[in-house]
Amino acid sequence: MRILVVNPNTTAAMTASIGACAARVTTAEVVAVNPAMGPASIESHYDEALAVPGLLTEIERGERDGAQGTVIACFGDPGLDAAREIAVGPVVGIAEAAMHVATLLGRTFGIVTTLSRTIGTAQDLVERYGFGARCVAIRACDIAVLDLDVPGSPARAVVTERCRQVVEEDGADSVVLGCAGMADFCDEIAEAIGVPVIDGVAAGVKLVEALVALGLTTSRRDEYAPPPVKAYSGALEGFTRRKPLAPVTVR
């Protein structure tokens, strides 16, 4: 089985870290990629919008190369609906995956994200996925995404402290890490605070692995049918719709 993990930003070092975290939890082949075009990190609605074309390009390329399922490794789950329209295999976003897993581990969960400006996006996703009554807090670290892995950065200590606050002050039974760049911290934080800490990259990989093994993918009944064939112009000319990809068989 081949699972595609797409980091929607263009920072290769983050992609490598995400890929390593994904590979640790599965025996499937993990292919971690990032687009050649788009923002270096995704920290605003503008960033997210401009990351989607590159993300979709990587998903189509990955499926042509044999990927049977895809994980979108950004906590905003950018382009998830569009990806489901064009992908043959199942597509899971890491926020979606982490929240679902959190609800299996306790009555409540909290989210620890990067910048305070991303709290609204996280709250929107909580509501979209139906977990408004389960998510008791969303706290920000006010650390930029690309600073998470800077040597000497206080990031790990700050993220750990926010996770502790979500548990001790907000009453969460588990904590969801609100950035793919935090994946490498997960076990360390869980040990420090004594409750389950969910990394959406790992959760997303295991959910995609299960869906592929079960032979399940996105329903094509209506909304997620392949997009209509039509022309695109200008810089998006290359996105003119072609025939849908043929189904990918499990190997």
C-alpha atoms as a PDB file:
ATOM      1  CA  MET A   1       0.000   0.000   0.000  1.00  0.00           C
ATOM      2  CA  ARG A   2       1.272   3.474  -0.864  1.00  0.00           C
ATOM      3  CA  ILE A   3       0.063   6.505   1.110  1.00  0.00           C
ATOM      4  CA  LEU A   4       0.711  10.034  -0.124  1.00  0.00           C
ATOM      5  CA  VAL A   5       1.334  12.665   2.558  1.00  0.00           C
ATOM      6  CA  VAL A   6       1.215  16.191   1.151  1.00  0.00           C
ATOM      7  CA  ASN A   7       2.638  19.106   3.097  1.00  0.00           C
ATOM      8  CA  PRO A   8       0.816  21.963   1.330  1.00  0.00           C
ATOM      9  CA  ASN A   9       3.582  24.477   2.004  1.00  0.00           C
ATOM     10  CA  THR A  10       6.877  24.551   0.101  1.00  0.00           C
ATOM     11  CA  THR A  11       9.298  24.016   3.011  1.00  0.00           C
ATOM     12  CA  ALA A  12      11.143  20.790   2.274  1.00  0.00           C
ATOM     13  CA  ALA A  13      12.634  20.424   5.762  1.00  0.00           C
ATOM     14  CA  MET A  14       9.146  20.364   7.269  1.00  0.00           C
ATOM     15  CA  THR A  15       8.056  17.827   4.656  1.00  0.00           C
ATOM     16  CA  ALA A  16      10.924  15.537   5.645  1.00  0.00           C
ATOM     17  CA  SER A  17       9.974  15.766   9.331  1.00  0.00           C
ATOM     18  CA  ILE A  18       6.308  15.100   8.558  1.00  0.00           C
ATOM     19  CA  GLY A  19       7.240  12.133   6.392  1.00  0.00           C
ATOM     20  CA  ALA A  20       9.385  10.634   9.132  1.00  0.00           C
ATOM     21  CA  CYS A  21       6.562  10.951  11.671  1.00  0.00           C
ATOM     22  CA  ALA A  22       4.138   9.343   9.231  1.00  0.00           C
ATOM     23  CA  ALA A  23       6.452   6.453   8.426  1.00  0.00           C
ATOM     24  CA  ARG A  24       6.872   5.562  12.105  1.00  0.00           C
ATOM     25  CA  VAL A  25       3.222   4.543  12.502  1.00  0.00           C
ATOM     26  CA  THR A  26       2.670   2.376   9.434  1.00  0.00           C
ATOM     27  CA  THR A  27       4.146  -0.477   7.446  1.00  0.00           C
ATOM     28  CA  ALA A  28       2.719   1.052   4.277  1.00  0.00           C
ATOM     29  CA  GLU A  29       4.981   2.947   1.925  1.00  0.00           C
ATOM     30  CA  VAL A  30       4.791   6.649   2.791  1.00  0.00           C
ATOM     31  CA  VAL A  31       5.577   9.203   0.105  1.00  0.00           C
ATOM     32  CA  ALA A  32       5.876  12.693   1.598  1.00  0.00           C
ATOM     33  CA  VAL A  33       5.883  15.617  -0.826  1.00  0.00           C
ATOM     34  CA  ASN A  34       5.348  19.355  -1.003  1.00  0.00           C
ATOM     35  CA  PRO A  35       4.388  21.578  -3.940  1.00  0.00           C
ATOM     36  CA  ALA A  36       6.927  23.528  -5.938  1.00  0.00           C
ATOM     37  CA  MET A  37       4.608  26.561  -5.871  1.00  0.00           C
ATOM     38  CA  GLY A  38       2.894  28.194  -2.934  1.00  0.00           C
ATOM     39  CA  PRO A  39       3.678  29.755   0.443  1.00  0.00           C
ATOM     40  CA  ALA A  40       6.599  28.727   2.661  1.00  0.00           C
ATOM     41  CA  SER A  41       4.131  28.243   5.526  1.00  0.00           C
ATOM     42  CA  ILE A  42       0.362  28.493   5.921  1.00  0.00           C
ATOM     43  CA  GLU A  43      -0.653  31.018   8.563  1.00  0.00           C
ATOM     44  CA  SER A  44      -3.486  33.009   6.975  1.00  0.00           C
ATOM     45  CA  HIS A  45      -6.498  32.624   4.711  1.00  0.00           C
ATOM     46  CA  TYR A  46      -4.400  34.130   1.907  1.00  0.00           C
ATOM     47  CA  ASP A  47      -1.673  31.531   2.408  1.00  0.00           C
ATOM     48  CA  GLU A  48      -4.235  28.755   2.471  1.00  0.00           C
ATOM     49  CA  ALA A  49      -5.937  29.867  -0.748  1.00  0.00           C
ATOM     50  CA  LEU A  50      -2.657  30.076  -2.636  1.00  0.00           C
ATOM     51  CA  ALA A  51      -1.475  26.695  -1.330  1.00  0.00           C
ATOM     52  CA  VAL A  52      -4.389  24.772  -2.849  1.00  0.00           C
ATOM     53  CA  PRO A  53      -3.346  24.687  -6.556  1.00  0.00           C
ATOM     54  CA  GLY A  54       0.039  23.191  -5.686  1.00  0.00           C
ATOM     55  CA  LEU A  55      -1.602  20.734  -3.295  1.00  0.00           C
ATOM     56  CA  LEU A  56      -4.009  19.499  -5.968  1.00  0.00           C
ATOM     57  CA  THR A  57      -1.162  19.129  -8.446  1.00  0.00           C
ATOM     58  CA  GLU A  58       0.731  16.893  -6.008  1.00  0.00           C
ATOM     59  CA  ILE A  59      -2.339  14.742  -5.340  1.00  0.00           C
ATOM     60  CA  GLU A  60      -2.932  14.108  -9.030  1.00  0.00           C
ATOM     61  CA  ARG A  61       0.752  13.355  -9.568  1.00  0.00           C
ATOM     62  CA  GLY A  62       0.862  11.081  -6.534  1.00  0.00           C
ATOM     63  CA  GLU A  63      -2.110   9.041  -7.701  1.00  0.00           C
ATOM     64  CA  ARG A  64      -0.613   8.685 -11.182  1.00  0.00           C
ATOM     65  CA  ASP A  65       2.465   7.258  -9.436  1.00  0.00           C
ATOM     66  CA  GLY A  66       0.380   4.705  -7.535  1.00  0.00           C
ATOM     67  CA  ALA A  67      -0.717   6.348  -4.277  1.00  0.00           C
ATOM     68  CA  GLN A  68      -3.913   4.749  -2.978  1.00  0.00           C
ATOM     69  CA  GLY A  69      -4.832   7.318  -0.335  1.00  0.00           C
ATOM     70  CA  THR A  70      -3.795  10.837   0.659  1.00  0.00           C
ATOM     71  CA  VAL A  71      -3.213  12.780   3.877  1.00  0.00           C
ATOM     72  CA  ILE A  72      -3.289  16.592   3.733  1.00  0.00           C
ATOM     73  CA  ALA A  73      -0.687  17.542   6.332  1.00  0.00           C
ATOM     74  CA  CYS A  74      -1.793  21.020   7.374  1.00  0.00           C
ATOM     75  CA  PHE A  75      -4.127  21.630  10.301  1.00  0.00           C
ATOM     76  CA  GLY A  76      -6.377  23.972   8.334  1.00  0.00           C
ATOM     77  CA  ASP A  77      -7.229  21.003   6.065  1.00  0.00           C
ATOM     78  CA  PRO A  78      -6.764  23.292   3.041  1.00  0.00           C
ATOM     79  CA  GLY A  79      -8.293  22.144  -0.208  1.00  0.00           C
ATOM     80  CA  LEU A  80      -9.861  19.052   1.375  1.00  0.00           C
ATOM     81  CA  ASP A  81     -13.154  19.245  -0.511  1.00  0.00           C
ATOM     82  CA  ALA A  82     -11.457  19.952  -3.841  1.00  0.00           C
ATOM     83  CA  ALA A  83      -9.018  17.108  -3.228  1.00  0.00           C
ATOM     84  CA  ARG A  84     -11.883  14.708  -2.625  1.00  0.00           C
ATOM     85  CA  GLU A  85     -13.432  15.705  -5.947  1.00  0.00           C
ATOM     86  CA  ILE A  86     -10.316  14.856  -7.962  1.00  0.00           C
ATOM     87  CA  ALA A  87      -8.739  11.981  -6.021  1.00  0.00           C
ATOM     88  CA  VAL A  88      -9.622   8.369  -6.714  1.00  0.00           C
ATOM     89  CA  GLY A  89      -8.506   7.178  -3.276  1.00  0.00           C
ATOM     90  CA  PRO A  90      -9.634   8.481   0.126  1.00  0.00           C
ATOM     91  CA  VAL A  91      -8.358  11.870   1.282  1.00  0.00           C
ATOM     92  CA  VAL A  92      -8.134  12.810   4.967  1.00  0.00           C
ATOM     93  CA  GLY A  93      -7.099  16.111   6.557  1.00  0.00           C
ATOM     94  CA  ILE A  94      -5.012  16.033   9.722  1.00  0.00           C
ATOM     95  CA  ALA A  95      -7.365  18.275  11.723  1.00  0.00           C
ATOM     96  CA  GLU A  96     -10.308  16.085  10.796  1.00  0.00           C
ATOM     97  CA  ALA A  97      -8.373  12.924  11.672  1.00  0.00           C
ATOM     98  CA  ALA A  98      -7.043  14.199  14.990  1.00  0.00           C
ATOM     99  CA  MET A  99     -10.439  15.421  16.206  1.00  0.00           C
ATOM    100  CA  HIS A 100     -12.129  12.138  15.351  1.00  0.00           C
ATOM    101  CA  VAL A 101      -9.442  10.188  17.200  1.00  0.00           C
ATOM    102  CA  ALA A 102      -9.672  12.519  20.212  1.00  0.00           C
ATOM    103  CA  THR A 103     -13.373  11.738  20.603  1.00  0.00           C
ATOM    104  CA  LEU A 104     -12.509   8.044  20.954  1.00  0.00           C
ATOM    105  CA  LEU A 105     -10.181   8.719  23.885  1.00  0.00           C
ATOM    106  CA  GLY A 106     -12.276  10.846  26.223  1.00  0.00           C
ATOM    107  CA  ARG A 107     -15.321  13.066  26.559  1.00  0.00           C
ATOM    108  CA  THR A 108     -13.508  16.326  25.773  1.00  0.00           C
ATOM    109  CA  PHE A 109     -10.453  17.583  23.944  1.00  0.00           C
ATOM    110  CA  GLY A 110      -8.580  20.829  23.456  1.00  0.00           C
ATOM    111  CA  ILE A 111      -6.490  22.155  20.580  1.00  0.00           C
ATOM    112  CA  VAL A 112      -3.100  23.854  20.786  1.00  0.00           C
ATOM    113  CA  THR A 113      -2.268  25.796  17.628  1.00  0.00           C
ATOM    114  CA  THR A 114       0.466  28.164  16.457  1.00  0.00           C
ATOM    115  CA  LEU A 115      -0.577  31.805  15.967  1.00  0.00           C
ATOM    116  CA  SER A 116      -3.655  33.341  17.560  1.00  0.00           C
ATOM    117  CA  ARG A 117      -4.917  34.345  14.116  1.00  0.00           C
ATOM    118  CA  THR A 118      -5.455  30.637  13.332  1.00  0.00           C
ATOM    119  CA  ILE A 119      -7.852  30.066  16.254  1.00  0.00           C
ATOM    120  CA  GLY A 120     -10.860  31.085  14.164  1.00  0.00           C
ATOM    121  CA  THR A 121      -9.983  28.565  11.459  1.00  0.00           C
ATOM    122  CA  ALA A 122      -9.607  25.819  14.046  1.00  0.00           C
ATOM    123  CA  GLN A 123     -12.977  26.749  15.583  1.00  0.00           C
ATOM    124  CA  ASP A 124     -14.619  26.649  12.167  1.00  0.00           C
ATOM    125  CA  LEU A 125     -13.261  23.136  11.618  1.00  0.00           C
ATOM    126  CA  VAL A 126     -14.443  21.996  15.055  1.00  0.00           C
ATOM    127  CA  GLU A 127     -17.971  23.069  14.111  1.00  0.00           C
ATOM    128  CA  ARG A 128     -17.784  21.657  10.629  1.00  0.00           C
ATOM    129  CA  TYR A 129     -16.764  18.240  11.920  1.00  0.00           C
ATOM    130  CA  GLY A 130     -19.509  18.273  14.539  1.00  0.00           C
ATOM    131  CA  PHE A 131     -17.373  18.475  17.668  1.00  0.00           C
ATOM    132  CA  GLY A 132     -18.481  21.814  19.120  1.00  0.00           C
ATOM    133  CA  ALA A 133     -19.701  20.130  22.301  1.00  0.00           C
ATOM    134  CA  ARG A 134     -16.497  18.116  22.687  1.00  0.00           C
ATOM    135  CA  CYS A 135     -13.817  20.775  22.152  1.00  0.00           C
ATOM    136  CA  VAL A 136     -13.429  22.745  25.383  1.00  0.00           C
ATOM    137  CA  ALA A 137     -10.584  25.071  24.389  1.00  0.00           C
ATOM    138  CA  ILE A 138      -8.355  26.290  21.574  1.00  0.00           C
ATOM    139  CA  ARG A 139      -5.130  27.903  22.728  1.00  0.00           C
ATOM    140  CA  ALA A 140      -2.399  29.524  20.633  1.00  0.00           C
ATOM    141  CA  CYS A 141       1.343  29.502  21.261  1.00  0.00           C
ATOM    142  CA  ASP A 142       2.049  32.613  19.161  1.00  0.00           C
ATOM    143  CA  ILE A 143       4.942  30.800  17.536  1.00  0.00           C
ATOM    144  CA  ALA A 144       5.310  30.912  13.756  1.00  0.00           C
ATOM    145  CA  VAL A 145       5.140  27.583  11.963  1.00  0.00           C
ATOM    146  CA  LEU A 146       8.699  27.781  10.642  1.00  0.00           C
ATOM    147  CA  ASP A 147      10.042  28.567  14.124  1.00  0.00           C
ATOM    148  CA  LEU A 148       8.905  25.214  15.510  1.00  0.00           C
ATOM    149  CA  ASP A 149      12.118  23.479  14.451  1.00  0.00           C
ATOM    150  CA  VAL A 150      14.594  26.337  14.849  1.00  0.00           C
ATOM    151  CA  PRO A 151      17.506  25.203  17.076  1.00  0.00           C
ATOM    152  CA  GLY A 152      17.297  26.896  20.466  1.00  0.00           C
ATOM    153  CA  SER A 153      13.685  27.935  19.900  1.00  0.00           C
ATOM    154  CA  PRO A 154      11.435  27.856  22.998  1.00  0.00           C
ATOM    155  CA  ALA A 155       8.756  26.206  20.859  1.00  0.00           C
ATOM    156  CA  ARG A 156       8.686  22.804  22.547  1.00  0.00           C
ATOM    157  CA  ALA A 157       8.472  24.296  26.017  1.00  0.00           C
ATOM    158  CA  VAL A 158       5.744  26.746  24.991  1.00  0.00           C
ATOM    159  CA  VAL A 159       3.675  24.086  23.204  1.00  0.00           C
ATOM    160  CA  THR A 160       3.997  21.756  26.188  1.00  0.00           C
ATOM    161  CA  GLU A 161       2.865  24.478  28.574  1.00  0.00           C
ATOM    162  CA  ARG A 162      -0.170  25.342  26.441  1.00  0.00           C
ATOM    163  CA  CYS A 163      -1.095  21.659  26.342  1.00  0.00           C
ATOM    164  CA  ARG A 164      -0.814  21.501  30.119  1.00  0.00           C
ATOM    165  CA  GLN A 165      -3.108  24.528  30.443  1.00  0.00           C
ATOM    166  CA  VAL A 166      -5.701  22.943  28.144  1.00  0.00           C
ATOM    167  CA  VAL A 167      -5.797  19.946  30.498  1.00  0.00           C
ATOM    168  CA  GLU A 168      -5.437  21.568  33.919  1.00  0.00           C
ATOM    169  CA  GLU A 169      -7.335  24.831  33.351  1.00  0.00           C
ATOM    170  CA  ASP A 170      -9.808  23.943  30.595  1.00  0.00           C
ATOM    171  CA  GLY A 171     -10.562  20.348  31.617  1.00  0.00           C
ATOM    172  CA  ALA A 172      -9.650  18.559  28.375  1.00  0.00           C
ATOM    173  CA  ASP A 173      -9.274  14.775  28.478  1.00  0.00           C
ATOM    174  CA  SER A 174      -6.890  14.861  25.514  1.00  0.00           C
ATOM    175  CA  VAL A 175      -5.019  17.393  23.408  1.00  0.00           C
ATOM    176  CA  VAL A 176      -4.949  17.789  19.634  1.00  0.00           C
ATOM    177  CA  LEU A 177      -1.792  19.366  18.212  1.00  0.00           C
ATOM    178  CA  GLY A 178      -2.864  22.108  15.809  1.00  0.00           C
ATOM    179  CA  CYS A 179       0.038  22.067  13.361  1.00  0.00           C
ATOM    180  CA  ALA A 180       1.778  19.375  11.330  1.00  0.00           C
ATOM    181  CA  GLY A 181       5.064  20.928  12.408  1.00  0.00           C
ATOM    182  CA  MET A 182       4.332  19.820  15.989  1.00  0.00           C
ATOM    183  CA  ALA A 183       4.176  16.130  15.040  1.00  0.00           C
ATOM    184  CA  ASP A 184       7.662  15.424  16.318  1.00  0.00           C
ATOM    185  CA  PHE A 185       6.730  16.758  19.797  1.00  0.00           C
ATOM    186  CA  CYS A 186       3.796  14.445  20.373  1.00  0.00           C
ATOM    187  CA  ASP A 187       5.247  11.660  22.529  1.00  0.00           C
ATOM    188  CA  GLU A 188       7.347  14.075  24.557  1.00  0.00           C
ATOM    189  CA  ILE A 189       4.320  16.237  25.409  1.00  0.00           C
ATOM    190  CA  ALA A 190       2.110  13.252  26.246  1.00  0.00           C
ATOM    191  CA  GLU A 191       4.695  12.011  28.715  1.00  0.00           C
ATOM    192  CA  ALA A 192       4.994  15.458  30.280  1.00  0.00           C
ATOM    193  CA  ILE A 193       1.264  16.120  30.790  1.00  0.00           C
ATOM    194  CA  GLY A 194      -0.081  12.621  31.359  1.00  0.00           C
ATOM    195  CA  VAL A 195      -3.010  12.551  28.891  1.00  0.00           C
ATOM    196  CA  PRO A 196      -3.326  11.428  25.258  1.00  0.00           C
ATOM    197  CA  VAL A 197      -1.828  13.900  22.783  1.00  0.00           C
ATOM    198  CA  ILE A 198      -2.924  13.414  19.191  1.00  0.00           C
ATOM    199  CA  ASP A 199      -0.762  14.237  16.208  1.00  0.00           C
ATOM    200  CA  GLY A 200      -2.972  14.571  13.158  1.00  0.00           C
ATOM    201  CA  VAL A 201      -0.274  13.349  10.777  1.00  0.00           C
ATOM    202  CA  ALA A 202      -0.089   9.954  12.485  1.00  0.00           C
ATOM    203  CA  ALA A 203      -3.869   9.827  12.938  1.00  0.00           C
ATOM    204  CA  GLY A 204      -4.456  10.728   9.299  1.00  0.00           C
ATOM    205  CA  VAL A 205      -2.066   8.063   8.021  1.00  0.00           C
ATOM    206  CA  LYS A 206      -3.722   5.342  10.093  1.00  0.00           C
ATOM    207  CA  LEU A 207      -7.221   6.392   9.007  1.00  0.00           C
ATOM    208  CA  VAL A 208      -6.236   6.441   5.334  1.00  0.00           C
ATOM    209  CA  GLU A 209      -4.530   3.082   5.761  1.00  0.00           C
ATOM    210  CA  ALA A 210      -7.742   1.655   7.228  1.00  0.00           C
ATOM    211  CA  LEU A 211      -9.966   3.131   4.503  1.00  0.00           C
ATOM    212  CA  VAL A 212      -7.763   1.728   1.740  1.00  0.00           C
ATOM    213  CA  ALA A 213      -7.671  -1.688   3.426  1.00  0.00           C
ATOM    214  CA  LEU A 214     -11.469  -1.634   3.669  1.00  0.00           C
ATOM    215  CA  GLY A 215     -11.778  -0.724   0.005  1.00  0.00           C
ATOM    216  CA  LEU A 216     -13.521   2.571   0.837  1.00  0.00           C
ATOM    217  CA  THR A 217     -13.179   5.962  -0.795  1.00  0.00           C
ATOM    218  CA  THR A 218     -15.131   9.197  -1.225  1.00  0.00           C
ATOM    219  CA  SER A 219     -18.765   8.888  -2.299  1.00  0.00           C
ATOM    220  CA  ARG A 220     -19.340  10.152  -5.846  1.00  0.00           C
ATOM    221  CA  ARG A 221     -23.103  10.491  -5.469  1.00  0.00           C
ATOM    222  CA  ASP A 222     -23.342  14.272  -5.852  1.00  0.00           C
ATOM    223  CA  GLU A 223     -21.144  16.886  -4.193  1.00  0.00           C
ATOM    224  CA  TYR A 224     -17.901  14.935  -4.513  1.00  0.00           C
ATOM    225  CA  ALA A 225     -18.415  13.770  -8.077  1.00  0.00           C
ATOM    226  CA  PRO A 226     -15.465  14.742 -10.305  1.00  0.00           C
ATOM    227  CA  PRO A 227     -15.630  18.454 -11.190  1.00  0.00           C
ATOM    228  CA  PRO A 228     -17.190  19.310 -14.551  1.00  0.00           C
ATOM    229  CA  VAL A 229     -14.861  19.373 -17.533  1.00  0.00           C
ATOM    230  CA  LYS A 230     -14.214  23.011 -18.418  1.00  0.00           C
ATOM    231  CA  ALA A 231     -11.459  25.383 -19.483  1.00  0.00           C
ATOM    232  CA  TYR A 232      -9.347  27.421 -17.047  1.00  0.00           C
ATOM    233  CA  SER A 233      -7.482  30.519 -18.181  1.00  0.00           C
ATOM    234  CA  GLY A 234      -4.305  32.423 -17.504  1.00  0.00           C
ATOM    235  CA  ALA A 235      -2.005  31.069 -14.814  1.00  0.00           C
ATOM    236  CA  LEU A 236      -4.557  28.315 -14.115  1.00  0.00           C
ATOM    237  CA  GLU A 237      -4.717  27.055 -17.694  1.00  0.00           C
ATOM    238  CA  GLY A 238      -2.956  23.853 -16.639  1.00  0.00           C
ATOM    239  CA  PHE A 239      -5.868  23.025 -14.321  1.00  0.00           C
ATOM    240  CA  THR A 240      -8.338  22.603 -17.184  1.00  0.00           C
ATOM    241  CA  ARG A 241     -10.277  19.476 -16.265  1.00  0.00           C
ATOM    242  CA  ARG A 242      -9.471  16.185 -17.918  1.00  0.00           C
ATOM    243  CA  LYS A 243     -11.126  12.814 -17.577  1.00  0.00           C
ATOM    244  CA  PRO A 244     -11.035  11.426 -13.995  1.00  0.00           C
ATOM    245  CA  LEU A 245      -8.147   9.124 -13.106  1.00  0.00           C
ATOM    246  CA  ALA A 246      -8.696   5.393 -13.352  1.00  0.00           C
ATOM    247  CA  PRO A 247      -9.156   3.583 -10.018  1.00  0.00           C
ATOM    248  CA  VAL A 248      -5.947   2.682  -8.195  1.00  0.00           C
ATOM    249  CA  THR A 249      -5.712  -0.990  -7.272  1.00  0.00           C
ATOM    250  CA  VAL A 250      -4.261  -2.199  -3.964  1.00  0.00           C
ATOM    251  CA  ARG A 251      -0.877  -3.839  -4.323  1.00  0.00           C
END
